[in-house]
């Protein structure tokens, strides 16, 4: 399995901005981390940013990333379970 390097992003936001970010992610059905991860590449070229279609693409990417993360997590848990079972046999 390929390890993904992750880094923390820390920011101080107003209470309203904080709630807005989290509400947006919740309404899209993804975590805020997934939104920010998917948004990163889109911000690399602001001239190509549009609100409608680009935002849909970012949310779609966030959902794909979350799905992949869940699958990798389940696979890792299953692997550890198998390894523990083999150790006790």
PDB file of N, CA and C in Angstrom:
ATOM      1  N   UNK A   1       0.844  -1.169   0.000  1.00  0.00           N
ATOM      2  CA  UNK A   1       0.000   0.000   0.000  1.00  0.00           C
ATOM      3  C   UNK A   1       0.893   1.237   0.000  1.00  0.00           C
ATOM      4  N   UNK A   2       0.516   2.242  -0.773  1.00  0.00           N
ATOM      5  CA  UNK A   2       1.268   3.471  -0.858  1.00  0.00           C
ATOM      6  C   UNK A   2       0.874   4.385   0.292  1.00  0.00           C
ATOM      7  N   UNK A   3       1.871   4.888   0.990  1.00  0.00           N
ATOM      8  CA  UNK A   3       1.594   5.806   2.089  1.00  0.00           C
ATOM      9  C   UNK A   3       1.374   7.203   1.525  1.00  0.00           C
ATOM     10  N   UNK A   4       0.349   7.869   2.022  1.00  0.00           N
ATOM     11  CA  UNK A   4       0.067   9.233   1.598  1.00  0.00           C
ATOM     12  C   UNK A   4       0.624  10.191   2.636  1.00  0.00           C
ATOM     13  N   UNK A   5       1.424  11.135   2.183  1.00  0.00           N
ATOM     14  CA  UNK A   5       1.957  12.138   3.086  1.00  0.00           C
ATOM     15  C   UNK A   5       0.875  13.186   3.296  1.00  0.00           C
ATOM     16  N   UNK A   6       0.605  13.478   4.546  1.00  0.00           N
ATOM     17  CA  UNK A   6      -0.423  14.462   4.875  1.00  0.00           C
ATOM     18  C   UNK A   6       0.200  15.522   5.763  1.00  0.00           C
ATOM     19  N   UNK A   7      -0.256  16.731   5.614  1.00  0.00           N
ATOM     20  CA  UNK A   7       0.224  17.841   6.434  1.00  0.00           C
ATOM     21  C   UNK A   7      -0.979  18.563   7.015  1.00  0.00           C
ATOM     22  N   UNK A   8      -0.796  19.115   8.190  1.00  0.00           N
ATOM     23  CA  UNK A   8      -1.870  19.852   8.857  1.00  0.00           C
ATOM     24  C   UNK A   8      -1.949  21.270   8.303  1.00  0.00           C
ATOM     25  N   UNK A   9      -3.154  21.758   8.224  1.00  0.00           N
ATOM     26  CA  UNK A   9      -3.415  23.150   7.850  1.00  0.00           C
ATOM     27  C   UNK A   9      -4.102  23.783   9.042  1.00  0.00           C
ATOM     28  N   UNK A  10      -3.526  24.841   9.550  1.00  0.00           N
ATOM     29  CA  UNK A  10      -4.070  25.468  10.749  1.00  0.00           C
ATOM     30  C   UNK A  10      -4.451  26.905  10.421  1.00  0.00           C
ATOM     31  N   UNK A  11      -5.646  27.289  10.810  1.00  0.00           N
ATOM     32  CA  UNK A  11      -6.094  28.658  10.557  1.00  0.00           C
ATOM     33  C   UNK A  11      -7.018  29.114  11.672  1.00  0.00           C
ATOM     34  N   UNK A  12      -6.968  30.391  11.962  1.00  0.00           N
ATOM     35  CA  UNK A  12      -7.908  30.987  12.899  1.00  0.00           C
ATOM     36  C   UNK A  12      -8.988  31.675  12.078  1.00  0.00           C
ATOM     37  N   UNK A  13     -10.224  31.272  12.279  1.00  0.00           N
ATOM     38  CA  UNK A  13     -11.350  31.805  11.531  1.00  0.00           C
ATOM     39  C   UNK A  13     -12.342  32.458  12.482  1.00  0.00           C
ATOM     40  N   UNK A  14     -13.144  33.341  11.935  1.00  0.00           N
ATOM     41  CA  UNK A  14     -14.248  33.854  12.732  1.00  0.00           C
ATOM     42  C   UNK A  14     -15.194  32.679  12.981  1.00  0.00           C
ATOM     43  N   UNK A  15     -16.025  32.804  13.989  1.00  0.00           N
ATOM     44  CA  UNK A  15     -16.968  31.737  14.282  1.00  0.00           C
ATOM     45  C   UNK A  15     -17.885  31.490  13.086  1.00  0.00           C
ATOM     46  N   UNK A  16     -18.313  32.572  12.445  1.00  0.00           N
ATOM     47  CA  UNK A  16     -19.197  32.456  11.286  1.00  0.00           C
ATOM     48  C   UNK A  16     -18.509  31.723  10.125  1.00  0.00           C
ATOM     49  N   UNK A  17     -17.265  32.073   9.854  1.00  0.00           N
ATOM     50  CA  UNK A  17     -16.537  31.412   8.766  1.00  0.00           C
ATOM     51  C   UNK A  17     -16.321  29.936   9.078  1.00  0.00           C
ATOM     52  N   UNK A  18     -15.995  29.658  10.328  1.00  0.00           N
ATOM     53  CA  UNK A  18     -15.792  28.272  10.759  1.00  0.00           C
ATOM     54  C   UNK A  18     -17.056  27.448  10.517  1.00  0.00           C
ATOM     55  N   UNK A  19     -18.183  27.991  10.984  1.00  0.00           N
ATOM     56  CA  UNK A  19     -19.455  27.285  10.818  1.00  0.00           C
ATOM     57  C   UNK A  19     -19.813  27.127   9.344  1.00  0.00           C
ATOM     58  N   UNK A  20     -19.531  28.144   8.546  1.00  0.00           N
ATOM     59  CA  UNK A  20     -19.845  28.091   7.114  1.00  0.00           C
ATOM     60  C   UNK A  20     -19.044  27.000   6.422  1.00  0.00           C
ATOM     61  N   UNK A  21     -17.754  26.906   6.692  1.00  0.00           N
ATOM     62  CA  UNK A  21     -16.923  25.860   6.079  1.00  0.00           C
ATOM     63  C   UNK A  21     -17.440  24.470   6.442  1.00  0.00           C
ATOM     64  N   UNK A  22     -17.700  24.266   7.713  1.00  0.00           N
ATOM     65  CA  UNK A  22     -18.147  22.950   8.156  1.00  0.00           C
ATOM     66  C   UNK A  22     -19.544  22.611   7.642  1.00  0.00           C
ATOM     67  N   UNK A  23     -20.428  23.594   7.602  1.00  0.00           N
ATOM     68  CA  UNK A  23     -21.764  23.363   7.067  1.00  0.00           C
ATOM     69  C   UNK A  23     -21.693  23.023   5.579  1.00  0.00           C
ATOM     70  N   UNK A  24     -20.858  23.744   4.847  1.00  0.00           N
ATOM     71  CA  UNK A  24     -20.681  23.477   3.420  1.00  0.00           C
ATOM     72  C   UNK A  24     -20.220  22.035   3.198  1.00  0.00           C
ATOM     73  N   UNK A  25     -19.207  21.610   3.926  1.00  0.00           N
ATOM     74  CA  UNK A  25     -18.694  20.242   3.785  1.00  0.00           C
ATOM     75  C   UNK A  25     -19.774  19.224   4.137  1.00  0.00           C
ATOM     76  N   UNK A  26     -20.497  19.470   5.211  1.00  0.00           N
ATOM     77  CA  UNK A  26     -21.553  18.548   5.633  1.00  0.00           C
ATOM     78  C   UNK A  26     -22.649  18.449   4.573  1.00  0.00           C
ATOM     79  N   UNK A  27     -23.047  19.588   4.026  1.00  0.00           N
ATOM     80  CA  UNK A  27     -24.087  19.583   2.994  1.00  0.00           C
ATOM     81  C   UNK A  27     -23.639  18.861   1.730  1.00  0.00           C
ATOM     82  N   UNK A  28     -22.334  18.870   1.475  1.00  0.00           N
ATOM     83  CA  UNK A  28     -21.788  18.171   0.306  1.00  0.00           C
ATOM     84  C   UNK A  28     -21.535  16.694   0.597  1.00  0.00           C
ATOM     85  N   UNK A  29     -21.631  16.320   1.864  1.00  0.00           N
ATOM     86  CA  UNK A  29     -21.453  14.923   2.240  1.00  0.00           C
ATOM     87  C   UNK A  29     -20.009  14.480   2.327  1.00  0.00           C
ATOM     88  N   UNK A  30     -19.109  15.426   2.601  1.00  0.00           N
ATOM     89  CA  UNK A  30     -17.688  15.100   2.713  1.00  0.00           C
ATOM     90  C   UNK A  30     -17.105  15.813   3.925  1.00  0.00           C
ATOM     91  N   UNK A  31     -15.885  15.457   4.277  1.00  0.00           N
ATOM     92  CA  UNK A  31     -15.218  16.140   5.376  1.00  0.00           C
ATOM     93  C   UNK A  31     -14.618  17.453   4.873  1.00  0.00           C
ATOM     94  N   UNK A  32     -14.342  18.342   5.794  1.00  0.00           N
ATOM     95  CA  UNK A  32     -13.693  19.592   5.432  1.00  0.00           C
ATOM     96  C   UNK A  32     -12.300  19.318   4.872  1.00  0.00           C
ATOM     97  N   UNK A  33     -11.617  18.319   5.401  1.00  0.00           N
ATOM     98  CA  UNK A  33     -10.300  17.948   4.868  1.00  0.00           C
ATOM     99  C   UNK A  33     -10.392  17.573   3.395  1.00  0.00           C
ATOM    100  N   UNK A  34     -11.432  16.833   3.036  1.00  0.00           N
ATOM    101  CA  UNK A  34     -11.594  16.438   1.633  1.00  0.00           C
ATOM    102  C   UNK A  34     -11.866  17.646   0.750  1.00  0.00           C
ATOM    103  N   UNK A  35     -12.665  18.595   1.237  1.00  0.00           N
ATOM    104  CA  UNK A  35     -12.936  19.812   0.462  1.00  0.00           C
ATOM    105  C   UNK A  35     -11.639  20.579   0.227  1.00  0.00           C
ATOM    106  N   UNK A  36     -10.865  20.778   1.282  1.00  0.00           N
ATOM    107  CA  UNK A  36      -9.621  21.535   1.151  1.00  0.00           C
ATOM    108  C   UNK A  36      -8.608  20.823   0.267  1.00  0.00           C
ATOM    109  N   UNK A  37      -8.532  19.496   0.377  1.00  0.00           N
ATOM    110  CA  UNK A  37      -7.616  18.725  -0.464  1.00  0.00           C
ATOM    111  C   UNK A  37      -7.993  18.861  -1.931  1.00  0.00           C
ATOM    112  N   UNK A  38      -9.274  18.753  -2.222  1.00  0.00           N
ATOM    113  CA  UNK A  38      -9.731  18.859  -3.612  1.00  0.00           C
ATOM    114  C   UNK A  38      -9.621  20.290  -4.130  1.00  0.00           C
ATOM    115  N   UNK A  39      -9.757  21.264  -3.255  1.00  0.00           N
ATOM    116  CA  UNK A  39      -9.697  22.660  -3.653  1.00  0.00           C
ATOM    117  C   UNK A  39      -8.270  23.105  -3.979  1.00  0.00           C
ATOM    118  N   UNK A  40      -7.288  22.492  -3.348  1.00  0.00           N
ATOM    119  CA  UNK A  40      -5.898  22.891  -3.543  1.00  0.00           C
ATOM    120  C   UNK A  40      -5.464  22.984  -4.998  1.00  0.00           C
ATOM    121  N   UNK A  41      -5.597  21.904  -5.779  1.00  0.00           N
ATOM    122  CA  UNK A  41      -5.185  21.977  -7.180  1.00  0.00           C
ATOM    123  C   UNK A  41      -5.981  23.018  -7.981  1.00  0.00           C
ATOM    124  N   UNK A  42      -7.232  23.220  -7.637  1.00  0.00           N
ATOM    125  CA  UNK A  42      -8.049  24.198  -8.352  1.00  0.00           C
ATOM    126  C   UNK A  42      -7.545  25.613  -8.115  1.00  0.00           C
ATOM    127  N   UNK A  43      -6.937  25.853  -6.968  1.00  0.00           N
ATOM    128  CA  UNK A  43      -6.428  27.184  -6.654  1.00  0.00           C
ATOM    129  C   UNK A  43      -5.083  27.470  -7.311  1.00  0.00           C
ATOM    130  N   UNK A  44      -4.458  26.456  -7.879  1.00  0.00           N
ATOM    131  CA  UNK A  44      -3.145  26.659  -8.488  1.00  0.00           C
ATOM    132  C   UNK A  44      -3.218  27.562  -9.712  1.00  0.00           C
ATOM    133  N   UNK A  45      -4.384  27.650 -10.360  1.00  0.00           N
ATOM    134  CA  UNK A  45      -4.565  28.544 -11.499  1.00  0.00           C
ATOM    135  C   UNK A  45      -5.879  29.293 -11.344  1.00  0.00           C
ATOM    136  N   UNK A  46      -5.861  30.394 -10.591  1.00  0.00           N
ATOM    137  CA  UNK A  46      -7.101  31.124 -10.322  1.00  0.00           C
ATOM    138  C   UNK A  46      -7.812  31.616 -11.581  1.00  0.00           C
ATOM    139  N   UNK A  47      -7.095  31.792 -12.681  1.00  0.00           N
ATOM    140  CA  UNK A  47      -7.743  32.284 -13.896  1.00  0.00           C
ATOM    141  C   UNK A  47      -8.747  31.281 -14.450  1.00  0.00           C
ATOM    142  N   UNK A  48      -8.593  30.012 -14.068  1.00  0.00           N
ATOM    143  CA  UNK A  48      -9.503  28.983 -14.548  1.00  0.00           C
ATOM    144  C   UNK A  48     -10.648  28.710 -13.579  1.00  0.00           C
ATOM    145  N   UNK A  49     -10.680  29.431 -12.468  1.00  0.00           N
ATOM    146  CA  UNK A  49     -11.737  29.217 -11.482  1.00  0.00           C
ATOM    147  C   UNK A  49     -13.051  29.810 -11.965  1.00  0.00           C
ATOM    148  N   UNK A  50     -14.085  29.007 -11.957  1.00  0.00           N
ATOM    149  CA  UNK A  50     -15.451  29.468 -12.175  1.00  0.00           C
ATOM    150  C   UNK A  50     -16.261  28.920 -11.023  1.00  0.00           C
ATOM    151  N   UNK A  51     -17.380  29.489 -10.745  1.00  0.00           N
ATOM    152  CA  UNK A  51     -18.099  29.071  -9.555  1.00  0.00           C
ATOM    153  C   UNK A  51     -18.884  27.792  -9.720  1.00  0.00           C
ATOM    154  N   UNK A  52     -19.665  27.642 -10.763  1.00  0.00           N
ATOM    155  CA  UNK A  52     -20.575  26.509 -10.879  1.00  0.00           C
ATOM    156  C   UNK A  52     -19.922  25.183 -11.177  1.00  0.00           C
ATOM    157  N   UNK A  53     -19.472  25.002 -12.396  1.00  0.00           N
ATOM    158  CA  UNK A  53     -18.939  23.708 -12.807  1.00  0.00           C
ATOM    159  C   UNK A  53     -17.678  23.348 -12.044  1.00  0.00           C
ATOM    160  N   UNK A  54     -16.820  24.310 -11.795  1.00  0.00           N
ATOM    161  CA  UNK A  54     -15.572  24.025 -11.083  1.00  0.00           C
ATOM    162  C   UNK A  54     -15.874  23.561  -9.661  1.00  0.00           C
ATOM    163  N   UNK A  55     -16.833  24.198  -9.002  1.00  0.00           N
ATOM    164  CA  UNK A  55     -17.190  23.798  -7.645  1.00  0.00           C
ATOM    165  C   UNK A  55     -17.746  22.380  -7.642  1.00  0.00           C
ATOM    166  N   UNK A  56     -18.567  22.043  -8.610  1.00  0.00           N
ATOM    167  CA  UNK A  56     -19.081  20.677  -8.706  1.00  0.00           C
ATOM    168  C   UNK A  56     -17.945  19.680  -8.892  1.00  0.00           C
ATOM    169  N   UNK A  57     -16.968  20.044  -9.707  1.00  0.00           N
ATOM    170  CA  UNK A  57     -15.819  19.160  -9.928  1.00  0.00           C
ATOM    171  C   UNK A  57     -15.003  18.994  -8.651  1.00  0.00           C
ATOM    172  N   UNK A  58     -14.864  20.067  -7.885  1.00  0.00           N
ATOM    173  CA  UNK A  58     -14.108  19.999  -6.624  1.00  0.00           C
ATOM    174  C   UNK A  58     -14.825  19.084  -5.638  1.00  0.00           C
ATOM    175  N   UNK A  59     -16.148  19.223  -5.519  1.00  0.00           N
ATOM    176  CA  UNK A  59     -16.904  18.372  -4.604  1.00  0.00           C
ATOM    177  C   UNK A  59     -16.858  16.920  -5.066  1.00  0.00           C
ATOM    178  N   UNK A  60     -16.944  16.707  -6.368  1.00  0.00           N
ATOM    179  CA  UNK A  60     -16.844  15.345  -6.904  1.00  0.00           C
ATOM    180  C   UNK A  60     -15.489  14.736  -6.554  1.00  0.00           C
ATOM    181  N   UNK A  61     -14.427  15.521  -6.698  1.00  0.00           N
ATOM    182  CA  UNK A  61     -13.086  15.044  -6.356  1.00  0.00           C
ATOM    183  C   UNK A  61     -12.989  14.759  -4.864  1.00  0.00           C
ATOM    184  N   UNK A  62     -13.586  15.615  -4.045  1.00  0.00           N
ATOM    185  CA  UNK A  62     -13.568  15.407  -2.592  1.00  0.00           C
ATOM    186  C   UNK A  62     -14.265  14.096  -2.235  1.00  0.00           C
ATOM    187  N   UNK A  63     -15.389  13.823  -2.891  1.00  0.00           N
ATOM    188  CA  UNK A  63     -16.105  12.572  -2.632  1.00  0.00           C
ATOM    189  C   UNK A  63     -15.276  11.367  -3.070  1.00  0.00           C
ATOM    190  N   UNK A  64     -14.625  11.477  -4.208  1.00  0.00           N
ATOM    191  CA  UNK A  64     -13.753  10.387  -4.671  1.00  0.00           C
ATOM    192  C   UNK A  64     -12.622  10.148  -3.679  1.00  0.00           C
ATOM    193  N   UNK A  65     -12.002  11.230  -3.201  1.00  0.00           N
ATOM    194  CA  UNK A  65     -10.899  11.108  -2.245  1.00  0.00           C
ATOM    195  C   UNK A  65     -11.360  10.452  -0.950  1.00  0.00           C
ATOM    196  N   UNK A  66     -12.525  10.862  -0.449  1.00  0.00           N
ATOM    197  CA  UNK A  66     -13.059  10.271   0.778  1.00  0.00           C
ATOM    198  C   UNK A  66     -13.349   8.786   0.585  1.00  0.00           C
ATOM    199  N   UNK A  67     -13.931   8.427  -0.559  1.00  0.00           N
ATOM    200  CA  UNK A  67     -14.231   7.029  -0.850  1.00  0.00           C
ATOM    201  C   UNK A  67     -12.939   6.208  -0.866  1.00  0.00           C
ATOM    202  N   UNK A  68     -11.923   6.736  -1.528  1.00  0.00           N
ATOM    203  CA  UNK A  68     -10.641   6.029  -1.599  1.00  0.00           C
ATOM    204  C   UNK A  68     -10.007   5.874  -0.217  1.00  0.00           C
ATOM    205  N   UNK A  69     -10.132   6.917   0.603  1.00  0.00           N
ATOM    206  CA  UNK A  69      -9.587   6.859   1.962  1.00  0.00           C
ATOM    207  C   UNK A  69     -10.300   5.807   2.797  1.00  0.00           C
ATOM    208  N   UNK A  70     -11.635   5.754   2.674  1.00  0.00           N
ATOM    209  CA  UNK A  70     -12.403   4.743   3.421  1.00  0.00           C
ATOM    210  C   UNK A  70     -12.015   3.337   2.981  1.00  0.00           C
ATOM    211  N   UNK A  71     -11.873   3.142   1.686  1.00  0.00           N
ATOM    212  CA  UNK A  71     -11.481   1.822   1.181  1.00  0.00           C
ATOM    213  C   UNK A  71     -10.111   1.425   1.692  1.00  0.00           C
ATOM    214  N   UNK A  72      -9.175   2.355   1.650  1.00  0.00           N
ATOM    215  CA  UNK A  72      -7.819   2.058   2.127  1.00  0.00           C
ATOM    216  C   UNK A  72      -7.828   1.749   3.622  1.00  0.00           C
ATOM    217  N   UNK A  73      -8.631   2.480   4.379  1.00  0.00           N
ATOM    218  CA  UNK A  73      -8.733   2.243   5.822  1.00  0.00           C
ATOM    219  C   UNK A  73      -9.313   0.861   6.099  1.00  0.00           C
ATOM    220  N   UNK A  74     -10.410   0.512   5.381  1.00  0.00           N
ATOM    221  CA  UNK A  74     -11.027  -0.813   5.568  1.00  0.00           C
ATOM    222  C   UNK A  74     -10.047  -1.925   5.187  1.00  0.00           C
ATOM    223  N   UNK A  75      -9.303  -1.718   4.119  1.00  0.00           N
ATOM    224  CA  UNK A  75      -8.340  -2.714   3.674  1.00  0.00           C
ATOM    225  C   UNK A  75      -7.237  -2.898   4.723  1.00  0.00           C
ATOM    226  N   UNK A  76      -6.768  -1.787   5.290  1.00  0.00           N
ATOM    227  CA  UNK A  76      -5.730  -1.862   6.322  1.00  0.00           C
ATOM    228  C   UNK A  76      -6.249  -2.575   7.570  1.00  0.00           C
ATOM    229  N   UNK A  77      -7.481  -2.293   7.961  1.00  0.00           N
ATOM    230  CA  UNK A  77      -8.074  -2.951   9.128  1.00  0.00           C
ATOM    231  C   UNK A  77      -8.220  -4.443   8.871  1.00  0.00           C
ATOM    232  N   UNK A  78      -8.690  -4.794   7.677  1.00  0.00           N
ATOM    233  CA  UNK A  78      -8.843  -6.212   7.328  1.00  0.00           C
ATOM    234  C   UNK A  78      -7.488  -6.916   7.341  1.00  0.00           C
ATOM    235  N   UNK A  79      -6.473  -6.246   6.840  1.00  0.00           N
ATOM    236  CA  UNK A  79      -5.133  -6.834   6.814  1.00  0.00           C
ATOM    237  C   UNK A  79      -4.619  -7.065   8.231  1.00  0.00           C
ATOM    238  N   UNK A  80      -4.815  -6.083   9.117  1.00  0.00           N
ATOM    239  CA  UNK A  80      -4.376  -6.243  10.510  1.00  0.00           C
ATOM    240  C   UNK A  80      -5.130  -7.377  11.189  1.00  0.00           C
ATOM    241  N   UNK A  81      -6.417  -7.523  10.884  1.00  0.00           N
ATOM    242  CA  UNK A  81      -7.228  -8.591  11.453  1.00  0.00           C
ATOM    243  C   UNK A  81      -6.693  -9.946  11.019  1.00  0.00           C
ATOM    244  N   UNK A  82      -6.358 -10.065   9.746  1.00  0.00           N
ATOM    245  CA  UNK A  82      -5.799 -11.318   9.226  1.00  0.00           C
ATOM    246  C   UNK A  82      -4.464 -11.606   9.895  1.00  0.00           C
ATOM    247  N   UNK A  83      -3.623 -10.591  10.017  1.00  0.00           N
ATOM    248  CA  UNK A  83      -2.312 -10.781  10.639  1.00  0.00           C
ATOM    249  C   UNK A  83      -2.445 -11.209  12.107  1.00  0.00           C
ATOM    250  N   UNK A  84      -3.376 -10.615  12.835  1.00  0.00           N
ATOM    251  CA  UNK A  84      -3.599 -11.003  14.236  1.00  0.00           C
ATOM    252  C   UNK A  84      -4.095 -12.446  14.321  1.00  0.00           C
ATOM    253  N   UNK A  85      -4.994 -12.808  13.419  1.00  0.00           N
ATOM    254  CA  UNK A  85      -5.524 -14.173  13.410  1.00  0.00           C
ATOM    255  C   UNK A  85      -4.404 -15.168  13.122  1.00  0.00           C
ATOM    256  N   UNK A  86      -3.518 -14.818  12.224  1.00  0.00           N
ATOM    257  CA  UNK A  86      -2.413 -15.702  11.891  1.00  0.00           C
ATOM    258  C   UNK A  86      -1.432 -15.832  13.049  1.00  0.00           C
ATOM    259  N   UNK A  87      -1.264 -14.767  13.818  1.00  0.00           N
ATOM    260  CA  UNK A  87      -0.362 -14.798  14.961  1.00  0.00           C
ATOM    261  C   UNK A  87      -0.906 -15.691  16.080  1.00  0.00           C
ATOM    262  N   UNK A  88      -2.207 -15.727  16.226  1.00  0.00           N
ATOM    263  CA  UNK A  88      -2.803 -16.515  17.297  1.00  0.00           C
ATOM    264  C   UNK A  88      -3.026 -17.977  16.910  1.00  0.00           C
ATOM    265  N   UNK A  89      -2.829 -18.276  15.631  1.00  0.00           N
ATOM    266  CA  UNK A  89      -3.037 -19.675  15.166  1.00  0.00           C
ATOM    267  C   UNK A  89      -1.837 -20.518  15.450  1.00  0.00           C
TER     268      UNK A  89
END
